[in-house]
Amino acid sequence: INAEYMGAKVGLHNGYKLNDFKPMYGKLFQEYLYESDFWGYMDLDVMWGDSRTFLPDSILHTSHIVTTSGFVPTGHCTLFRNIPSVTALYGYIPSVRSLLASPRHLGLDEPFWFKANLAGAINAPHIRPFLQIWRTNTHSHDGFGYNLFSFDMLVQWTPGHIRQYDPHLSCVREAAYYHFQNSKRFINRTTSPALWHAKEVLFTFAGVMSL
C-alpha cells in the first residue's frame, strides 16, 4: 500500500483505522476483482438473509453505486460498479493521502463524521450528476434509533431469510441483513457448533437459541 498506491506511510496503528481504506478496496485489490461486476465493503457484525430479493438484476444492471440505507455510502454495506471511473472516486476526497496517513480513524467510508470523506466526493456537483445511485433501507439494525437498548429485541434467522420482530409496531419485518450494531455488546454469545447446523436461530439480548 505504501509504495505503490500511497507514496507515503499510512497510519495503521489500530484495526479500526482499516475502515478508512474501504473506499480504496477496488484499487487495492484490483488484481483479484478484474472479473467482478461490483466490488464493495461491509461490516463484520451483520447476518445476511435473502439479499437477491432486495438487490435484483434490475437494480444491479443500472446502478453505479448500491447502498442498503438512505445514506451514500453506507459503512456497513455499499457496492460499487467495477469500472475505473467509479473505483477512482476515493481520489476526489480532499487530502486523501494525508487523511490515510493519520493514525486517527476518520470515517472515510461513512456519510458523516467529517466533511472530507467519500460521501463528499460522490456528492460533489461535478461528479454526482454522472452517477446512477440506488439507495433504500433494505436492512434492519439495533442502533441510532428507538430500539437502541430495547431488551425485548428478537431477530430470527432461517436459511435465506432474516426477520426482526418490532415490539413497538407489533409486526415482523424481513430485511436483506441484520446489523448487530449495538446488541453485540450485550447478547450472551455462544460458539456452539450446533449453530452451524441449525434450521432456525433466534437472537435476543438474553442469549442465542438454535432450533
C-alpha atoms as a PDB file:
ATOM      1  CA  ILE A   1       0.000   0.000   0.000  1.00  0.00           C
ATOM      2  CA  ASN A   2       2.703   2.455   0.965  1.00  0.00           C
ATOM      3  CA  ALA A   3       4.945   2.293  -2.074  1.00  0.00           C
ATOM      4  CA  GLU A   4       2.589   1.527  -4.949  1.00  0.00           C
ATOM      5  CA  TYR A   5      -0.585   3.428  -4.143  1.00  0.00           C
ATOM      6  CA  MET A   6       0.096   5.999  -1.447  1.00  0.00           C
ATOM      7  CA  GLY A   7       3.638   7.205  -1.914  1.00  0.00           C
ATOM      8  CA  ALA A   8       3.721   7.767   1.840  1.00  0.00           C
ATOM      9  CA  LYS A   9       3.371   5.881   5.083  1.00  0.00           C
ATOM     10  CA  VAL A  10      -0.136   5.143   6.261  1.00  0.00           C
ATOM     11  CA  GLY A  11      -1.387   5.267   9.816  1.00  0.00           C
ATOM     12  CA  LEU A  12      -2.326   1.675  10.621  1.00  0.00           C
ATOM     13  CA  HIS A  13      -1.962   1.979  14.373  1.00  0.00           C
ATOM     14  CA  ASN A  14      -5.164   0.058  15.159  1.00  0.00           C
ATOM     15  CA  GLY A  15      -7.595  -2.239  13.401  1.00  0.00           C
ATOM     16  CA  TYR A  16     -10.402   0.295  13.272  1.00  0.00           C
ATOM     17  CA  LYS A  17      -8.287   2.539  11.036  1.00  0.00           C
ATOM     18  CA  LEU A  18      -8.685  -0.090   8.301  1.00  0.00           C
ATOM     19  CA  ASN A  19     -12.214   1.230   7.743  1.00  0.00           C
ATOM     20  CA  ASP A  20     -10.725   4.369   6.210  1.00  0.00           C
ATOM     21  CA  PHE A  21      -9.246   2.210   3.451  1.00  0.00           C
ATOM     22  CA  LYS A  22     -12.574   0.705   2.395  1.00  0.00           C
ATOM     23  CA  PRO A  23     -13.127   3.313  -0.371  1.00  0.00           C
ATOM     24  CA  MET A  24      -9.823   2.136  -1.887  1.00  0.00           C
ATOM     25  CA  TYR A  25     -10.636  -1.578  -1.975  1.00  0.00           C
ATOM     26  CA  GLY A  26     -11.428  -1.534  -5.685  1.00  0.00           C
ATOM     27  CA  LYS A  27      -7.936  -0.204  -6.367  1.00  0.00           C
ATOM     28  CA  LEU A  28      -6.022  -2.120  -3.723  1.00  0.00           C
ATOM     29  CA  PHE A  29      -7.478  -5.486  -4.754  1.00  0.00           C
ATOM     30  CA  GLN A  30      -7.926  -4.864  -8.472  1.00  0.00           C
ATOM     31  CA  GLU A  31      -5.845  -7.898  -9.439  1.00  0.00           C
ATOM     32  CA  TYR A  32      -8.468 -10.100  -7.751  1.00  0.00           C
ATOM     33  CA  LEU A  33     -11.521  -8.161  -8.962  1.00  0.00           C
ATOM     34  CA  TYR A  34     -10.988  -7.885 -12.711  1.00  0.00           C
ATOM     35  CA  GLU A  35     -13.728 -10.438 -13.470  1.00  0.00           C
ATOM     36  CA  SER A  36     -16.225  -8.947 -10.999  1.00  0.00           C
ATOM     37  CA  ASP A  37     -19.064  -6.597 -11.935  1.00  0.00           C
ATOM     38  CA  PHE A  38     -19.011  -4.976  -8.491  1.00  0.00           C
ATOM     39  CA  TRP A  39     -16.733  -4.576  -5.523  1.00  0.00           C
ATOM     40  CA  GLY A  40     -17.702  -3.250  -2.132  1.00  0.00           C
ATOM     41  CA  TYR A  41     -17.418  -3.457   1.599  1.00  0.00           C
ATOM     42  CA  MET A  42     -19.470  -4.473   4.594  1.00  0.00           C
ATOM     43  CA  ASP A  43     -19.126  -4.744   8.359  1.00  0.00           C
ATOM     44  CA  LEU A  44     -18.399  -7.990  10.166  1.00  0.00           C
ATOM     45  CA  ASP A  45     -21.310  -7.657  12.613  1.00  0.00           C
ATOM     46  CA  VAL A  46     -24.047  -8.396  10.070  1.00  0.00           C
ATOM     47  CA  MET A  47     -26.055 -11.522   9.299  1.00  0.00           C
ATOM     48  CA  TRP A  48     -27.400 -11.917   5.775  1.00  0.00           C
ATOM     49  CA  GLY A  49     -30.810 -13.094   4.658  1.00  0.00           C
ATOM     50  CA  ASP A  50     -32.319 -13.038   1.163  1.00  0.00           C
ATOM     51  CA  SER A  51     -30.057 -10.453  -0.471  1.00  0.00           C
ATOM     52  CA  ARG A  52     -31.107 -11.152  -4.074  1.00  0.00           C
ATOM     53  CA  THR A  53     -34.754 -10.317  -3.387  1.00  0.00           C
ATOM     54  CA  PHE A  54     -33.659  -6.877  -2.256  1.00  0.00           C
ATOM     55  CA  LEU A  55     -30.930  -6.480  -4.888  1.00  0.00           C
ATOM     56  CA  PRO A  56     -32.392  -7.847  -8.150  1.00  0.00           C
ATOM     57  CA  ASP A  57     -30.727  -7.619 -11.560  1.00  0.00           C
ATOM     58  CA  SER A  58     -32.883  -4.629 -12.491  1.00  0.00           C
ATOM     59  CA  ILE A  59     -31.041  -2.613  -9.832  1.00  0.00           C
ATOM     60  CA  LEU A  60     -27.575  -4.041 -10.363  1.00  0.00           C
ATOM     61  CA  HIS A  61     -27.663  -3.573 -14.142  1.00  0.00           C
ATOM     62  CA  THR A  62     -28.478   0.126 -13.934  1.00  0.00           C
ATOM     63  CA  SER A  63     -26.528   1.370 -10.915  1.00  0.00           C
ATOM     64  CA  HIS A  64     -23.025   2.657 -10.350  1.00  0.00           C
ATOM     65  CA  ILE A  65     -23.396   2.569  -6.563  1.00  0.00           C
ATOM     66  CA  VAL A  66     -25.786   0.463  -4.473  1.00  0.00           C
ATOM     67  CA  THR A  67     -26.346   1.129  -0.788  1.00  0.00           C
ATOM     68  CA  THR A  68     -28.714  -0.506   1.681  1.00  0.00           C
ATOM     69  CA  SER A  69     -29.729   2.640   3.519  1.00  0.00           C
ATOM     70  CA  GLY A  70     -30.676   6.204   2.686  1.00  0.00           C
ATOM     71  CA  PHE A  71     -27.054   7.297   3.082  1.00  0.00           C
ATOM     72  CA  VAL A  72     -24.354   7.138   0.401  1.00  0.00           C
ATOM     73  CA  PRO A  73     -22.058   5.468   1.079  1.00  0.00           C
ATOM     74  CA  THR A  74     -23.079   3.227   3.979  1.00  0.00           C
ATOM     75  CA  GLY A  75     -20.185   1.862   6.003  1.00  0.00           C
ATOM     76  CA  HIS A  76     -21.848  -1.463   6.799  1.00  0.00           C
ATOM     77  CA  CYS A  77     -22.682  -2.271   3.151  1.00  0.00           C
ATOM     78  CA  THR A  78     -22.026  -0.455  -0.133  1.00  0.00           C
ATOM     79  CA  LEU A  79     -21.407  -1.841  -3.620  1.00  0.00           C
ATOM     80  CA  PHE A  80     -19.526  -0.051  -6.411  1.00  0.00           C
ATOM     81  CA  ARG A  81     -19.582  -0.908 -10.096  1.00  0.00           C
ATOM     82  CA  ASN A  82     -16.172  -2.218 -11.059  1.00  0.00           C
ATOM     83  CA  ILE A  83     -15.256   0.378 -13.661  1.00  0.00           C
ATOM     84  CA  PRO A  84     -12.285   2.791 -13.466  1.00  0.00           C
ATOM     85  CA  SER A  85     -14.322   5.981 -13.052  1.00  0.00           C
ATOM     86  CA  VAL A  86     -16.195   4.596 -10.024  1.00  0.00           C
ATOM     87  CA  THR A  87     -13.234   2.798  -8.482  1.00  0.00           C
ATOM     88  CA  ALA A  88     -11.249   6.051  -8.604  1.00  0.00           C
ATOM     89  CA  LEU A  89     -13.822   8.079  -6.623  1.00  0.00           C
ATOM     90  CA  TYR A  90     -11.719   7.886  -3.461  1.00  0.00           C
ATOM     91  CA  GLY A  91      -9.184  10.120  -5.217  1.00  0.00           C
ATOM     92  CA  TYR A  92     -11.631  13.040  -5.016  1.00  0.00           C
ATOM     93  CA  ILE A  93     -11.560  13.036  -1.221  1.00  0.00           C
ATOM     94  CA  PRO A  94      -9.662  16.224  -0.320  1.00  0.00           C
ATOM     95  CA  SER A  95      -6.170  15.498   1.032  1.00  0.00           C
ATOM     96  CA  VAL A  96      -6.892  11.765   0.960  1.00  0.00           C
ATOM     97  CA  ARG A  97      -3.246  10.766   1.338  1.00  0.00           C
ATOM     98  CA  SER A  98      -2.749  12.833   4.482  1.00  0.00           C
ATOM     99  CA  LEU A  99      -6.025  11.530   5.910  1.00  0.00           C
ATOM    100  CA  LEU A 100      -4.953   7.935   5.369  1.00  0.00           C
ATOM    101  CA  ALA A 101      -1.578   8.700   6.922  1.00  0.00           C
ATOM    102  CA  SER A 102      -3.277   9.980  10.076  1.00  0.00           C
ATOM    103  CA  PRO A 103      -3.388   7.495  12.974  1.00  0.00           C
ATOM    104  CA  ARG A 104      -6.979   8.599  13.719  1.00  0.00           C
ATOM    105  CA  HIS A 105     -10.000   6.754  12.378  1.00  0.00           C
ATOM    106  CA  LEU A 106     -11.731   9.416  10.263  1.00  0.00           C
ATOM    107  CA  GLY A 107     -14.766   7.563   8.878  1.00  0.00           C
ATOM    108  CA  LEU A 108     -13.822   7.983   5.209  1.00  0.00           C
ATOM    109  CA  ASP A 109     -16.219   5.158   4.319  1.00  0.00           C
ATOM    110  CA  GLU A 110     -19.213   6.748   6.066  1.00  0.00           C
ATOM    111  CA  PRO A 111     -21.653   9.524   5.048  1.00  0.00           C
ATOM    112  CA  PHE A 112     -20.971  11.606   8.142  1.00  0.00           C
ATOM    113  CA  TRP A 113     -18.188  12.039  10.701  1.00  0.00           C
ATOM    114  CA  PHE A 114     -16.094  14.592   8.801  1.00  0.00           C
ATOM    115  CA  LYS A 115     -16.735  16.570   5.622  1.00  0.00           C
ATOM    116  CA  ALA A 116     -13.670  15.096   3.915  1.00  0.00           C
ATOM    117  CA  ASN A 117     -14.920  11.606   3.102  1.00  0.00           C
ATOM    118  CA  LEU A 118     -16.206   9.502   0.226  1.00  0.00           C
ATOM    119  CA  ALA A 119     -19.726  10.886   0.631  1.00  0.00           C
ATOM    120  CA  GLY A 120     -18.448  14.379  -0.050  1.00  0.00           C
ATOM    121  CA  ALA A 121     -16.610  13.194  -3.147  1.00  0.00           C
ATOM    122  CA  ILE A 122     -19.644  11.335  -4.529  1.00  0.00           C
ATOM    123  CA  ASN A 123     -21.970  14.287  -3.983  1.00  0.00           C
ATOM    124  CA  ALA A 124     -19.660  16.898  -5.452  1.00  0.00           C
ATOM    125  CA  PRO A 125     -21.501  18.974  -8.119  1.00  0.00           C
ATOM    126  CA  HIS A 126     -19.121  17.874 -10.895  1.00  0.00           C
ATOM    127  CA  ILE A 127     -19.465  14.155 -10.031  1.00  0.00           C
ATOM    128  CA  ARG A 128     -22.954  13.368  -8.706  1.00  0.00           C
ATOM    129  CA  PRO A 129     -24.872  14.070 -11.993  1.00  0.00           C
ATOM    130  CA  PHE A 130     -22.903  11.323 -13.745  1.00  0.00           C
ATOM    131  CA  LEU A 131     -23.640   8.596 -11.199  1.00  0.00           C
ATOM    132  CA  GLN A 132     -26.667   6.326 -11.018  1.00  0.00           C
ATOM    133  CA  ILE A 133     -27.131   5.599  -7.328  1.00  0.00           C
ATOM    134  CA  TRP A 134     -29.674   3.196  -5.867  1.00  0.00           C
ATOM    135  CA  ARG A 135     -30.336   3.630  -2.174  1.00  0.00           C
ATOM    136  CA  THR A 136     -33.117   2.394   0.025  1.00  0.00           C
ATOM    137  CA  ASN A 137     -33.438   0.996   3.507  1.00  0.00           C
ATOM    138  CA  THR A 138     -33.300  -2.774   2.977  1.00  0.00           C
ATOM    139  CA  HIS A 139     -31.557  -3.709   6.214  1.00  0.00           C
ATOM    140  CA  SER A 140     -32.529  -3.763   9.863  1.00  0.00           C
ATOM    141  CA  HIS A 141     -30.395  -2.815  12.836  1.00  0.00           C
ATOM    142  CA  ASP A 142     -30.347  -2.015  16.535  1.00  0.00           C
ATOM    143  CA  GLY A 143     -28.572   1.323  16.539  1.00  0.00           C
ATOM    144  CA  PHE A 144     -29.260   5.024  16.047  1.00  0.00           C
ATOM    145  CA  GLY A 145     -32.951   4.510  16.778  1.00  0.00           C
ATOM    146  CA  TYR A 146     -35.651   3.918  19.350  1.00  0.00           C
ATOM    147  CA  ASN A 147     -34.610   0.308  19.828  1.00  0.00           C
ATOM    148  CA  LEU A 148     -31.030   1.137  20.777  1.00  0.00           C
ATOM    149  CA  PHE A 149     -31.410  -0.503  24.181  1.00  0.00           C
ATOM    150  CA  SER A 150     -34.642  -2.381  23.601  1.00  0.00           C
ATOM    151  CA  PHE A 151     -34.287  -5.530  25.678  1.00  0.00           C
ATOM    152  CA  ASP A 152     -37.286  -7.160  24.007  1.00  0.00           C
ATOM    153  CA  MET A 153     -35.306  -7.414  20.763  1.00  0.00           C
ATOM    154  CA  LEU A 154     -35.984 -10.560  18.747  1.00  0.00           C
ATOM    155  CA  VAL A 155     -34.231 -11.406  15.478  1.00  0.00           C
ATOM    156  CA  GLN A 156     -34.887 -14.654  13.627  1.00  0.00           C
ATOM    157  CA  TRP A 157     -32.613 -16.300  11.076  1.00  0.00           C
ATOM    158  CA  THR A 158     -33.722 -19.185   8.881  1.00  0.00           C
ATOM    159  CA  PRO A 159     -31.848 -20.351   5.760  1.00  0.00           C
ATOM    160  CA  GLY A 160     -32.047 -17.476   3.308  1.00  0.00           C
ATOM    161  CA  HIS A 161     -34.111 -15.140   5.496  1.00  0.00           C
ATOM    162  CA  ILE A 162     -33.570 -12.662   8.324  1.00  0.00           C
ATOM    163  CA  ARG A 163     -36.532 -11.176  10.188  1.00  0.00           C
ATOM    164  CA  GLN A 164     -36.891  -8.765  13.087  1.00  0.00           C
ATOM    165  CA  TYR A 165     -39.908  -8.566  15.360  1.00  0.00           C
ATOM    166  CA  ASP A 166     -40.723  -4.934  16.120  1.00  0.00           C
ATOM    167  CA  PRO A 167     -42.389  -4.793  19.553  1.00  0.00           C
ATOM    168  CA  HIS A 168     -43.309  -1.141  19.112  1.00  0.00           C
ATOM    169  CA  LEU A 169     -45.234  -1.712  15.887  1.00  0.00           C
ATOM    170  CA  SER A 170     -46.246  -5.336  16.648  1.00  0.00           C
ATOM    171  CA  CYS A 171     -45.044  -6.508  13.256  1.00  0.00           C
ATOM    172  CA  VAL A 172     -42.332  -8.638  11.660  1.00  0.00           C
ATOM    173  CA  ARG A 173     -40.030  -7.074   9.119  1.00  0.00           C
ATOM    174  CA  GLU A 174     -37.873  -9.042   6.685  1.00  0.00           C
ATOM    175  CA  ALA A 175     -34.582  -7.481   5.663  1.00  0.00           C
ATOM    176  CA  ALA A 176     -31.633  -8.189   3.403  1.00  0.00           C
ATOM    177  CA  TYR A 177     -29.481  -8.416   6.522  1.00  0.00           C
ATOM    178  CA  TYR A 178     -29.431  -7.513  10.200  1.00  0.00           C
ATOM    179  CA  HIS A 179     -26.737  -5.229  11.604  1.00  0.00           C
ATOM    180  CA  PHE A 180     -25.851  -6.077  15.207  1.00  0.00           C
ATOM    181  CA  GLN A 181     -24.611  -2.549  15.694  1.00  0.00           C
ATOM    182  CA  ASN A 182     -25.063  -2.325  19.454  1.00  0.00           C
ATOM    183  CA  SER A 183     -26.585  -5.579  20.630  1.00  0.00           C
ATOM    184  CA  LYS A 184     -23.364  -7.498  20.011  1.00  0.00           C
ATOM    185  CA  ARG A 185     -22.089  -5.863  23.188  1.00  0.00           C
ATOM    186  CA  PHE A 186     -24.995  -7.190  25.264  1.00  0.00           C
ATOM    187  CA  ILE A 187     -26.019 -10.533  23.773  1.00  0.00           C
ATOM    188  CA  ASN A 188     -24.695 -13.520  25.686  1.00  0.00           C
ATOM    189  CA  ARG A 189     -22.972 -15.118  22.736  1.00  0.00           C
ATOM    190  CA  THR A 190     -22.295 -18.795  22.225  1.00  0.00           C
ATOM    191  CA  THR A 191     -19.799 -20.584  19.981  1.00  0.00           C
ATOM    192  CA  SER A 192     -21.691 -23.862  19.999  1.00  0.00           C
ATOM    193  CA  PRO A 193     -21.099 -25.922  16.825  1.00  0.00           C
ATOM    194  CA  ALA A 194     -24.856 -26.560  16.812  1.00  0.00           C
ATOM    195  CA  LEU A 195     -25.395 -23.055  15.433  1.00  0.00           C
ATOM    196  CA  TRP A 196     -23.758 -24.028  12.137  1.00  0.00           C
ATOM    197  CA  HIS A 197     -26.297 -26.802  11.563  1.00  0.00           C
ATOM    198  CA  ALA A 198     -29.408 -25.124  12.950  1.00  0.00           C
ATOM    199  CA  LYS A 199     -32.517 -24.636  10.817  1.00  0.00           C
ATOM    200  CA  GLU A 200     -33.510 -21.593  12.845  1.00  0.00           C
ATOM    201  CA  VAL A 201     -31.586 -19.218  15.133  1.00  0.00           C
ATOM    202  CA  LEU A 202     -33.164 -16.650  17.458  1.00  0.00           C
ATOM    203  CA  PHE A 203     -31.180 -13.698  18.767  1.00  0.00           C
ATOM    204  CA  THR A 204     -32.263 -11.818  21.878  1.00  0.00           C
ATOM    205  CA  PHE A 205     -30.433  -9.764  24.487  1.00  0.00           C
ATOM    206  CA  ALA A 206     -30.853 -12.734  26.830  1.00  0.00           C
ATOM    207  CA  GLY A 207     -28.933 -15.059  24.532  1.00  0.00           C
ATOM    208  CA  VAL A 208     -28.840 -17.052  21.308  1.00  0.00           C
ATOM    209  CA  MET A 209     -31.141 -20.020  20.708  1.00  0.00           C
ATOM    210  CA  SER A 210     -30.784 -22.585  17.916  1.00  0.00           C
ATOM    211  CA  LEU A 211     -33.661 -24.810  16.833  1.00  0.00           C
END
